N, C-alpha and C. Protein backbone atom coordinates (compact mmCIF):
# COMPACT_ATOMS: atom_id res chain seq x y z
N UNK A 1 6.72 7.58 18.17
CA UNK A 1 6.29 7.21 16.85
C UNK A 1 4.85 6.91 17.18
N UNK A 2 4.45 7.41 16.00
CA UNK A 2 3.12 7.35 15.49
C UNK A 2 2.32 6.32 14.80
N UNK A 3 2.58 4.71 15.07
CA UNK A 3 2.20 3.77 14.85
C UNK A 3 1.11 3.16 15.57
N UNK A 4 -0.39 3.37 14.73
CA UNK A 4 -1.82 2.62 14.99
C UNK A 4 -1.26 1.21 16.03
N UNK A 5 -0.34 0.42 15.47
CA UNK A 5 -0.12 -0.77 15.88
C UNK A 5 0.22 -0.80 16.94
N UNK A 6 1.19 0.15 17.21
CA UNK A 6 1.89 -0.05 18.88
C UNK A 6 1.19 0.58 19.40
N UNK A 7 0.44 1.46 18.98
CA UNK A 7 -0.69 2.25 20.22
C UNK A 7 -1.79 0.69 20.76
N UNK A 8 -2.16 0.16 19.51
CA UNK A 8 -3.09 -0.86 20.10
C UNK A 8 -2.17 -1.79 21.08
N UNK A 9 -0.70 -2.11 20.60
CA UNK A 9 -0.13 -3.15 22.16
C UNK A 9 0.43 -1.96 23.35
N UNK A 10 -0.11 -1.17 23.26
CA UNK A 10 -0.19 -0.51 24.17
C UNK A 10 -1.45 0.20 25.15
N UNK A 11 -2.04 -0.44 24.41
CA UNK A 11 -3.57 -0.14 24.82
C UNK A 11 -3.98 1.14 25.36
N UNK A 12 -3.45 1.91 24.08
CA UNK A 12 -3.44 3.42 23.84
C UNK A 12 -4.92 3.96 23.04
N UNK A 13 -5.18 2.52 22.03
CA UNK A 13 -6.08 2.94 21.36
C UNK A 13 -6.94 1.35 21.30
N UNK A 14 -8.64 1.42 21.61
CA UNK A 14 -9.11 -0.15 22.32
C UNK A 14 -9.21 -0.69 20.85
N UNK A 15 -9.51 -2.20 21.39
CA UNK A 15 -9.28 -3.06 19.97
C UNK A 15 -9.83 -4.49 20.57
N UNK A 16 -10.11 -4.87 19.82
CA UNK A 16 -11.17 -6.19 19.95
C UNK A 16 -9.91 -7.50 20.33
N UNK A 17 -9.17 -7.56 21.46
CA UNK A 17 -7.96 -8.76 21.67
C UNK A 17 -8.59 -9.84 21.45
N UNK A 18 -7.75 -10.38 19.99
CA UNK A 18 -8.28 -12.22 20.70
C UNK A 18 -7.44 -12.77 21.42
N UNK A 19 -6.29 -13.17 21.46
CA UNK A 19 -5.60 -13.38 21.99
C UNK A 19 -3.98 -12.62 22.61
N UNK A 20 -2.92 -13.46 23.35
CA UNK A 20 -2.00 -12.11 23.21
C UNK A 20 -0.82 -13.06 23.96
N UNK A 21 0.56 -12.93 23.80
CA UNK A 21 1.01 -13.49 24.22
C UNK A 21 2.44 -12.44 24.77
N UNK A 22 3.69 -12.75 25.33
CA UNK A 22 4.61 -12.23 26.02
C UNK A 22 5.12 -11.09 24.50
N UNK A 23 4.84 -11.60 23.40
CA UNK A 23 6.04 -11.29 21.95
C UNK A 23 4.73 -10.78 21.32
N UNK A 24 3.69 -10.77 21.32
CA UNK A 24 2.38 -10.82 20.27
C UNK A 24 1.59 -10.97 20.69
N UNK A 25 0.48 -9.85 20.22
CA UNK A 25 -0.76 -9.75 20.51
C UNK A 25 -1.59 -9.45 18.96
N UNK A 26 -2.75 -10.29 19.12
CA UNK A 26 -3.89 -10.68 17.86
C UNK A 26 -5.24 -10.08 18.26
N UNK A 27 -5.61 -9.24 17.11
CA UNK A 27 -6.79 -8.64 17.49
C UNK A 27 -7.27 -8.67 16.26
N UNK A 28 -8.83 -8.14 16.38
CA UNK A 28 -9.44 -8.09 15.46
C UNK A 28 -9.64 -7.37 14.04
N UNK A 29 -9.28 -7.27 12.65
CA UNK A 29 -9.45 -6.51 11.94
C UNK A 29 -10.75 -5.68 11.66
N UNK A 30 -10.42 -4.50 11.70
CA UNK A 30 -11.55 -3.51 11.50
C UNK A 30 -12.25 -3.48 10.08
N UNK A 31 -11.70 -4.01 9.64
CA UNK A 31 -12.46 -3.95 7.85
C UNK A 31 -12.44 -5.59 7.25
N UNK A 32 -12.85 -6.66 8.06
CA UNK A 32 -13.12 -7.85 7.74
C UNK A 32 -12.71 -7.99 6.22
N UNK A 33 -12.81 -9.30 5.81
CA UNK A 33 -12.58 -9.88 4.62
C UNK A 33 -13.57 -11.24 4.55
N UNK A 34 -13.62 -11.44 5.83
CA UNK A 34 -14.22 -12.96 6.33
C UNK A 34 -14.62 -13.02 7.24
N UNK A 35 -15.45 -14.22 7.35
CA UNK A 35 -15.88 -14.14 9.23
C UNK A 35 -14.86 -14.07 9.77
N UNK A 36 -13.70 -14.32 9.47
CA UNK A 36 -12.56 -14.79 10.21
C UNK A 36 -11.14 -14.02 9.55
N UNK A 37 -10.88 -12.74 10.48
CA UNK A 37 -9.99 -12.17 10.16
C UNK A 37 -9.18 -11.00 11.24
N UNK A 38 -8.66 -11.65 11.86
CA UNK A 38 -7.55 -11.00 12.48
C UNK A 38 -5.93 -10.94 12.31
N UNK A 39 -5.53 -9.73 12.79
CA UNK A 39 -4.43 -9.43 12.47
C UNK A 39 -3.54 -9.91 13.64
N UNK A 40 -2.62 -10.56 13.54
CA UNK A 40 -1.36 -10.55 14.15
C UNK A 40 0.31 -9.85 13.81
N UNK A 41 0.29 -9.71 15.69
CA UNK A 41 1.42 -7.98 15.61
C UNK A 41 2.28 -8.28 16.17
N UNK A 42 3.99 -8.04 15.86
CA UNK A 42 4.84 -8.41 16.85
C UNK A 42 4.24 -7.68 17.54
N UNK A 43 5.01 -7.26 19.25
CA UNK A 43 5.08 -6.40 20.15
C UNK A 43 6.38 -5.49 19.65
N UNK A 44 6.97 -6.05 18.76
CA UNK A 44 8.59 -5.16 18.83
C UNK A 44 7.70 -4.13 17.62
N UNK A 45 8.10 -3.70 17.62
CA UNK A 45 7.81 -2.45 16.36
C UNK A 45 9.25 -3.23 15.24
N UNK A 46 8.68 -3.84 14.03
CA UNK A 46 9.41 -4.48 13.39
C UNK A 46 8.41 -3.29 12.30
N UNK A 47 9.16 -2.89 11.09
CA UNK A 47 8.47 -1.91 9.71
C UNK A 47 7.33 -3.27 9.28
N UNK A 48 8.34 -3.93 8.45
CA UNK A 48 7.78 -5.19 7.44
C UNK A 48 9.05 -6.35 7.99
N UNK A 49 8.48 -7.04 6.92
CA UNK A 49 9.06 -8.70 6.74
C UNK A 49 10.21 -8.26 5.97
N UNK A 50 10.61 -7.13 5.90
CA UNK A 50 12.07 -7.39 4.83
C UNK A 50 12.80 -6.69 6.06
N UNK A 51 12.56 -5.98 7.42
CA UNK A 51 13.88 -5.81 8.33
C UNK A 51 13.77 -6.67 9.52
N UNK A 52 13.45 -7.88 9.14
CA UNK A 52 13.55 -9.28 9.95
C UNK A 52 15.20 -9.57 10.24
N UNK A 53 15.40 -9.62 11.59
CA UNK A 53 16.76 -10.05 11.28
C UNK A 53 17.36 -11.24 12.90
N UNK A 54 18.44 -11.38 13.26
CA UNK A 54 18.87 -12.59 14.45
C UNK A 54 18.04 -11.46 15.40
N UNK A 55 18.17 -10.33 15.49
CA UNK A 55 17.59 -9.80 16.91
C UNK A 55 16.22 -9.79 16.76
N UNK A 56 15.31 -10.16 16.57
CA UNK A 56 13.46 -10.03 16.24
C UNK A 56 13.37 -11.25 15.91
N UNK A 57 13.72 -12.37 15.37
CA UNK A 57 13.36 -13.55 15.21
C UNK A 57 12.23 -14.01 16.51
N UNK A 58 12.78 -14.00 17.19
CA UNK A 58 11.86 -14.63 18.74
C UNK A 58 10.68 -13.67 18.70
N UNK A 59 10.48 -13.21 18.12
CA UNK A 59 9.19 -12.44 17.91
C UNK A 59 8.09 -13.05 16.87
N UNK A 60 8.76 -13.07 15.74
CA UNK A 60 8.25 -13.63 14.95
C UNK A 60 7.75 -15.30 14.53
N UNK A 61 8.80 -15.79 15.68
CA UNK A 61 8.33 -17.48 15.80
C UNK A 61 7.22 -16.92 17.18
N UNK A 62 7.59 -16.25 18.05
CA UNK A 62 5.77 -16.09 18.92
C UNK A 62 4.48 -15.42 18.22
N UNK A 63 4.90 -15.00 17.43
CA UNK A 63 3.62 -14.44 16.51
C UNK A 63 2.96 -15.88 15.77
N UNK A 64 3.61 -16.89 15.12
CA UNK A 64 3.36 -17.77 14.41
C UNK A 64 2.43 -18.89 15.52
N UNK A 65 3.66 -18.94 16.58
CA UNK A 65 2.31 -19.67 17.83
C UNK A 65 1.30 -19.19 18.33
N UNK A 66 0.94 -17.78 17.81
CA UNK A 66 0.34 -16.56 18.04
C UNK A 66 -1.16 -17.14 17.34
N UNK A 67 -0.47 -17.45 15.93
CA UNK A 67 -1.77 -17.64 14.93
C UNK A 67 -1.59 -18.73 15.31
N UNK A 68 -1.21 -19.73 15.88
CA UNK A 68 -1.93 -21.45 15.57
C UNK A 68 -2.94 -21.17 16.71
N UNK A 69 -2.81 -20.46 18.27
CA UNK A 69 -3.66 -20.39 19.03
C UNK A 69 -5.06 -19.42 18.36
N UNK A 70 -5.16 -18.50 17.37
CA UNK A 70 -6.19 -17.92 17.45
C UNK A 70 -6.97 -18.85 16.39
N UNK A 71 -5.80 -19.03 14.98
CA UNK A 71 -6.94 -20.70 14.72
C UNK A 71 -7.68 -21.15 15.43
N UNK A 72 -7.07 -21.95 17.10
CA UNK A 72 -8.17 -22.62 17.68
C UNK A 72 -9.21 -22.26 18.10
N UNK A 73 -8.97 -20.85 18.62
CA UNK A 73 -9.94 -20.03 19.57
C UNK A 73 -11.31 -19.60 18.30
N UNK A 74 -11.08 -19.22 16.99
CA UNK A 74 -11.67 -18.88 16.44
C UNK A 74 -12.27 -20.29 15.38
N UNK A 75 -11.88 -21.55 16.01
CA UNK A 75 -12.29 -22.85 15.43
C UNK A 75 -11.71 -22.55 13.52
N UNK A 76 -11.32 -22.24 13.53
CA UNK A 76 -10.52 -23.05 11.75
C UNK A 76 -9.36 -23.57 11.76
N UNK A 77 -9.01 -24.10 12.72
CA UNK A 77 -8.02 -24.39 12.73
C UNK A 77 -7.82 -26.35 12.22
N UNK A 78 -9.31 -26.68 12.07
CA UNK A 78 -9.45 -28.12 11.73
C UNK A 78 -9.91 -27.86 9.72
N UNK A 79 -10.64 -26.15 9.87
CA UNK A 79 -11.36 -26.52 8.38
C UNK A 79 -10.02 -25.85 7.97
N UNK A 80 -9.27 -24.82 7.89
CA UNK A 80 -8.27 -24.73 7.78
C UNK A 80 -8.42 -22.85 7.35
N UNK A 81 -7.06 -22.09 7.09
CA UNK A 81 -7.31 -20.33 7.08
C UNK A 81 -5.89 -20.21 6.27
N UNK A 82 -6.03 -18.20 5.55
CA UNK A 82 -4.82 -17.99 5.28
C UNK A 82 -4.21 -17.31 6.10
N UNK A 83 -2.90 -17.04 5.95
CA UNK A 83 -2.28 -16.09 6.82
C UNK A 83 -1.05 -15.41 5.84
N UNK A 84 -1.64 -14.00 6.15
CA UNK A 84 -0.90 -13.72 4.82
C UNK A 84 -0.02 -12.29 5.46
N UNK A 85 0.84 -11.59 5.06
CA UNK A 85 1.69 -10.30 4.95
C UNK A 85 2.08 -9.53 3.89
N UNK A 86 1.77 -8.48 4.25
CA UNK A 86 1.79 -7.34 2.70
C UNK A 86 3.25 -7.01 2.49
N UNK A 87 3.85 -6.11 2.15
CA UNK A 87 4.97 -5.46 1.80
C UNK A 87 5.30 -4.26 1.16
N UNK A 88 5.23 -3.09 1.45
CA UNK A 88 5.55 -2.31 0.43
C UNK A 88 4.23 -1.67 -0.13
N UNK A 89 4.00 -0.96 -0.78
CA UNK A 89 2.96 0.14 -1.49
C UNK A 89 2.79 -0.83 -2.73
N UNK A 90 3.35 -1.50 -3.78
CA UNK A 90 2.75 -2.40 -3.99
C UNK A 90 2.19 -3.86 -3.69
N UNK A 91 2.87 -4.32 -2.53
CA UNK A 91 2.30 -4.86 -1.91
C UNK A 91 1.00 -4.86 -1.09
N UNK A 92 0.57 -3.69 -0.73
CA UNK A 92 -0.80 -3.50 -0.32
C UNK A 92 -0.69 -3.26 1.23
N UNK A 93 0.64 -2.80 1.76
CA UNK A 93 1.12 -2.76 3.37
C UNK A 93 0.53 -1.08 3.63
N UNK A 94 -0.20 -1.08 3.97
CA UNK A 94 -0.72 0.20 4.58
C UNK A 94 -0.56 0.48 5.85
N UNK A 95 0.06 -0.52 6.74
CA UNK A 95 0.50 -0.04 8.16
C UNK A 95 2.05 -0.52 8.43
N UNK A 96 2.75 0.47 8.66
CA UNK A 96 4.63 0.51 8.50
C UNK A 96 4.40 -0.66 9.95
N UNK A 97 4.04 -1.77 9.95
CA UNK A 97 4.02 -2.48 11.48
C UNK A 97 4.21 -4.06 10.92
N UNK A 98 5.23 -5.04 10.61
CA UNK A 98 4.58 -6.21 10.61
C UNK A 98 3.69 -6.87 11.13
N UNK A 99 2.55 -7.07 10.30
CA UNK A 99 1.26 -7.86 10.39
C UNK A 99 1.06 -8.54 9.78
N UNK A 100 0.35 -10.34 10.70
CA UNK A 100 -0.25 -11.03 9.84
C UNK A 100 -1.85 -11.47 9.82
N UNK A 101 -2.16 -11.35 8.44
CA UNK A 101 -3.82 -11.31 8.56
C UNK A 101 -3.87 -13.09 8.36
N UNK A 102 -4.91 -13.27 9.44
CA UNK A 102 -5.35 -14.64 10.07
C UNK A 102 -6.62 -14.73 9.28
N UNK A 103 -7.32 -14.89 8.32
CA UNK A 103 -8.29 -15.19 7.17
C UNK A 103 -8.72 -16.44 7.21
N UNK A 104 -10.30 -17.02 7.36
CA UNK A 104 -10.53 -18.10 7.37
C UNK A 104 -12.60 -17.61 7.35
N UNK A 105 -12.81 -18.92 8.04
CA UNK A 105 -14.40 -19.14 8.01
C UNK A 105 -14.72 -19.13 6.96
N UNK A 106 -14.63 -19.18 5.96
CA UNK A 106 -15.08 -19.63 4.78
C UNK A 106 -14.26 -20.15 3.52
N UNK A 107 -15.30 -20.72 2.70
CA UNK A 107 -13.77 -21.33 1.85
C UNK A 107 -13.89 -20.20 0.92
N UNK A 108 -11.85 -19.54 1.29
CA UNK A 108 -11.33 -18.99 0.36
C UNK A 108 -11.18 -19.07 -1.28
N UNK A 109 -11.41 -18.11 -2.02
CA UNK A 109 -10.71 -18.22 -3.54
C UNK A 109 -9.23 -17.66 -3.37
N UNK A 110 -9.02 -17.61 -5.07
CA UNK A 110 -7.60 -16.71 -4.92
C UNK A 110 -7.48 -15.64 -5.03
N UNK A 111 -8.48 -14.96 -4.69
CA UNK A 111 -8.52 -13.48 -4.91
C UNK A 111 -7.65 -12.82 -3.43
N UNK A 112 -6.47 -11.49 -3.96
CA UNK A 112 -5.66 -11.27 -3.25
C UNK A 112 -6.10 -10.36 -1.68
N UNK A 113 -5.96 -10.25 -0.69
CA UNK A 113 -6.44 -9.94 0.03
C UNK A 113 -5.30 -8.31 0.35
N UNK A 114 -5.76 -7.33 0.72
CA UNK A 114 -4.98 -6.24 0.61
C UNK A 114 -5.79 -5.77 2.08
N UNK A 115 -4.88 -4.64 2.77
CA UNK A 115 -4.92 -4.26 4.43
C UNK A 115 -5.31 -2.64 3.84
């Protein structure tokens, strides 16, 4: 599989890792839209939110725990942040591996974020 996020998970591609657990990894976005812009990715290859099922829900649960940890590490847990996942071409998904954008560090408006 030629998935850039799988390569980051396997440490084949360098990235600025913010946090990691057994099921998920969080790393800085290469093209940030805010002072805090971290991607949180399940370590199991799941193509999108539409591929979630009973066999992989543990990964999503752990992704959400890691999002909480990232918010604390980046000091946005009190001020607030946005969590976004994109699906499909019209939704702006450019990497076919489920991932969540944790965005904060400034007051966010209604603008839609694309990856």
